[in-house]
C-alpha atoms as a PDB file:
ATOM      1  CA  MET A   1     -40.598  22.283-106.602  1.00  0.00           C
ATOM      2  CA  ALA A   2     -37.715  21.481-104.331  1.00  0.00           C
ATOM      3  CA  LYS A   3     -35.180  18.973-105.598  1.00  0.00           C
ATOM      4  CA  THR A   4     -33.844  16.292-103.315  1.00  0.00           C
ATOM      5  CA  ALA A   5     -30.577  14.425-103.649  1.00  0.00           C
ATOM      6  CA  ALA A   6     -29.211  11.086-102.509  1.00  0.00           C
ATOM      7  CA  LYS A   7     -26.055  11.620-100.466  1.00  0.00           C
ATOM      8  CA  SER A   8     -23.408   9.098 -99.531  1.00  0.00           C
ATOM      9  CA  LYS A   9     -20.743   9.332 -96.851  1.00  0.00           C
ATOM     10  CA  SER A  10     -18.352  10.818 -99.410  1.00  0.00           C
ATOM     11  CA  ALA A  11     -20.793  13.736-100.022  1.00  0.00           C
ATOM     12  CA  VAL A  12     -21.435  12.732-103.646  1.00  0.00           C
ATOM     13  CA  GLN A  13     -24.904  13.774-104.794  1.00  0.00           C
ATOM     14  CA  LEU A  14     -27.193  11.975-107.207  1.00  0.00           C
ATOM     15  CA  ILE A  15     -30.002  14.183-108.512  1.00  0.00           C
ATOM     16  CA  PRO A  16     -32.522  12.369-110.733  1.00  0.00           C
ATOM     17  CA  LEU A  17     -33.911  14.182-113.767  1.00  0.00           C
ATOM     18  CA  GLY A  18     -37.459  14.219-115.088  1.00  0.00           C
ATOM     19  CA  ASP A  19     -39.493  11.186-114.065  1.00  0.00           C
ATOM     20  CA  ARG A  20     -36.552   9.328-112.507  1.00  0.00           C
ATOM     21  CA  VAL A  21     -36.433   8.177-108.888  1.00  0.00           C
ATOM     22  CA  VAL A  22     -33.469   7.138-106.710  1.00  0.00           C
ATOM     23  CA  VAL A  23     -34.212   4.234-104.353  1.00  0.00           C
ATOM     24  CA  LYS A  24     -32.146   2.649-101.574  1.00  0.00           C
ATOM     25  CA  ARG A  25     -32.788  -1.104-101.759  1.00  0.00           C
ATOM     26  CA  ALA A  26     -34.017  -2.830 -98.576  1.00  0.00           C
ATOM     27  CA  GLU A  27     -31.624  -5.218 -96.845  1.00  0.00           C
ATOM     28  CA  THR A  28     -31.716  -8.865 -97.913  1.00  0.00           C
ATOM     29  CA  GLU A  29     -33.213 -11.462 -95.616  1.00  0.00           C
ATOM     30  CA  GLU A  30     -30.416 -13.562 -94.147  1.00  0.00           C
ATOM     31  CA  GLN A  31     -32.705 -15.889 -92.202  1.00  0.00           C
ATOM     32  CA  THR A  32     -35.956 -17.633 -93.110  1.00  0.00           C
ATOM     33  CA  ALA A  33     -39.098 -17.431 -90.965  1.00  0.00           C
ATOM     34  CA  GLY A  34     -38.226 -20.916 -89.685  1.00  0.00           C
ATOM     35  CA  GLY A  35     -34.811 -19.754 -88.456  1.00  0.00           C
ATOM     36  CA  ILE A  36     -32.614 -21.190 -91.236  1.00  0.00           C
ATOM     37  CA  PHE A  37     -29.695 -18.926 -92.211  1.00  0.00           C
ATOM     38  CA  LEU A  38     -29.292 -18.448 -95.964  1.00  0.00           C
ATOM     39  CA  PRO A  39     -25.888 -18.282 -97.695  1.00  0.00           C
ATOM     40  CA  ASP A  40     -25.264 -15.254 -99.941  1.00  0.00           C
ATOM     41  CA  SER A  41     -25.808 -17.366-103.068  1.00  0.00           C
ATOM     42  CA  ALA A  42     -29.346 -18.280-101.937  1.00  0.00           C
ATOM     43  CA  GLN A  43     -30.447 -14.757-101.017  1.00  0.00           C
ATOM     44  CA  ASN A  44     -32.613 -12.894-103.509  1.00  0.00           C
ATOM     45  CA  LYS A  45     -32.275  -9.146-103.859  1.00  0.00           C
ATOM     46  CA  PRO A  46     -35.396  -7.538-102.435  1.00  0.00           C
ATOM     47  CA  GLN A  47     -37.717  -5.786-104.866  1.00  0.00           C
ATOM     48  CA  ARG A  48     -38.518  -3.117-102.323  1.00  0.00           C
ATOM     49  CA  GLY A  49     -36.805  -0.061-100.951  1.00  0.00           C
ATOM     50  CA  GLU A  50     -37.078   3.544 -99.832  1.00  0.00           C
ATOM     51  CA  VAL A  51     -37.201   6.559-102.129  1.00  0.00           C
ATOM     52  CA  VAL A  52     -34.279   8.885-101.347  1.00  0.00           C
ATOM     53  CA  ALA A  53     -34.634  11.385-104.217  1.00  0.00           C
ATOM     54  CA  VAL A  54     -37.122  12.239-106.966  1.00  0.00           C
ATOM     55  CA  GLY A  55     -36.914  14.142-110.250  1.00  0.00           C
ATOM     56  CA  ASP A  56     -38.943  17.241-111.022  1.00  0.00           C
ATOM     57  CA  GLY A  57     -41.704  15.410-112.923  1.00  0.00           C
ATOM     58  CA  HIS A  58     -43.092  14.096-116.196  1.00  0.00           C
ATOM     59  CA  VAL A  59     -43.143  16.396-119.220  1.00  0.00           C
ATOM     60  CA  ARG A  60     -46.395  16.339-121.163  1.00  0.00           C
ATOM     61  CA  ASP A  61     -46.600  16.768-124.926  1.00  0.00           C
ATOM     62  CA  ASP A  62     -47.594  20.415-124.425  1.00  0.00           C
ATOM     63  CA  GLY A  63     -44.427  21.038-122.356  1.00  0.00           C
ATOM     64  CA  THR A  64     -46.048  21.294-118.932  1.00  0.00           C
ATOM     65  CA  LYS A  65     -44.594  19.322-116.018  1.00  0.00           C
ATOM     66  CA  VAL A  66     -46.603  16.950-113.873  1.00  0.00           C
ATOM     67  CA  PRO A  67     -45.077  16.257-110.432  1.00  0.00           C
ATOM     68  CA  LEU A  68     -44.261  12.675-109.494  1.00  0.00           C
ATOM     69  CA  THR A  69     -46.622  10.665-107.304  1.00  0.00           C
ATOM     70  CA  VAL A  70     -43.909   9.213-105.049  1.00  0.00           C
ATOM     71  CA  LYS A  71     -41.927  11.384-102.670  1.00  0.00           C
ATOM     72  CA  GLU A  72     -38.785  11.113-100.590  1.00  0.00           C
ATOM     73  CA  GLY A  73     -39.231   8.645 -97.744  1.00  0.00           C
ATOM     74  CA  ASP A  74     -41.893   6.504 -99.466  1.00  0.00           C
ATOM     75  CA  ARG A  75     -41.375   2.743 -99.222  1.00  0.00           C
ATOM     76  CA  VAL A  76     -41.936   1.165-102.634  1.00  0.00           C
ATOM     77  CA  LEU A  77     -42.157  -2.148-104.494  1.00  0.00           C
ATOM     78  CA  PHE A  78     -40.596  -2.179-107.958  1.00  0.00           C
ATOM     79  CA  ASN A  79     -40.008  -4.367-110.995  1.00  0.00           C
ATOM     80  CA  SER A  80     -36.781  -6.343-110.518  1.00  0.00           C
ATOM     81  CA  TYR A  81     -35.630  -5.750-114.118  1.00  0.00           C
ATOM     82  CA  ALA A  82     -36.198  -1.999-114.100  1.00  0.00           C
ATOM     83  CA  PRO A  83     -33.546  -0.348-111.930  1.00  0.00           C
ATOM     84  CA  GLU A  84     -30.076   0.739-112.911  1.00  0.00           C
ATOM     85  CA  GLU A  85     -27.682  -0.033-110.042  1.00  0.00           C
ATOM     86  CA  ILE A  86     -25.355   2.825-109.096  1.00  0.00           C
ATOM     87  CA  LYS A  87     -22.610   2.809-106.472  1.00  0.00           C
ATOM     88  CA  LEU A  88     -21.579   6.114-104.887  1.00  0.00           C
ATOM     89  CA  GLY A  89     -18.858   5.777-102.297  1.00  0.00           C
ATOM     90  CA  ASP A  90     -19.855   2.945 -99.975  1.00  0.00           C
ATOM     91  CA  GLU A  91     -23.566   3.187-100.792  1.00  0.00           C
ATOM     92  CA  GLU A  92     -25.550   1.457-103.543  1.00  0.00           C
ATOM     93  CA  TYR A  93     -28.616   3.080-105.080  1.00  0.00           C
ATOM     94  CA  LEU A  94     -31.138   2.182-107.768  1.00  0.00           C
ATOM     95  CA  LEU A  95     -32.178   4.635-110.478  1.00  0.00           C
ATOM     96  CA  MET A  96     -35.508   3.944-112.177  1.00  0.00           C
ATOM     97  CA  ARG A  97     -38.476   5.624-113.813  1.00  0.00           C
ATOM     98  CA  GLU A  98     -41.498   6.270-111.634  1.00  0.00           C
ATOM     99  CA  SER A  99     -43.524   4.007-113.958  1.00  0.00           C
ATOM    100  CA  ASP A 100     -41.309   1.068-112.872  1.00  0.00           C
ATOM    101  CA  ILE A 101     -42.601   1.435-109.300  1.00  0.00           C
ATOM    102  CA  LEU A 102     -45.481  -0.983-108.750  1.00  0.00           C
ATOM    103  CA  ALA A 103     -46.799   0.146-105.343  1.00  0.00           C
ATOM    104  CA  THR A 104     -46.063   2.078-102.167  1.00  0.00           C
ATOM    105  CA  PHE A 105     -46.538   0.748 -98.644  1.00  0.00           C
END
């Protein structure tokens, strides 16, 4: 299996291990559907993003590896309490287990 890595402008790499996934969070909505602009304090962090790197898979009790279901480039919805926020250079990423991803779209 090929490993993928999240890269920032400073060429720092983040390679998830096992069943971990690196996600780039989607941009926050700055304007409502009705055209009202929201201040930063009123904006919620989106619970969606794009997968930028995946680990090499789950390890079963017998030691075999099962590849992850999600892949690089997938757009996902995730549990808001699950991810670990990581900043590399100017970029912010989320590190979470694949089981914390609720759906792809």
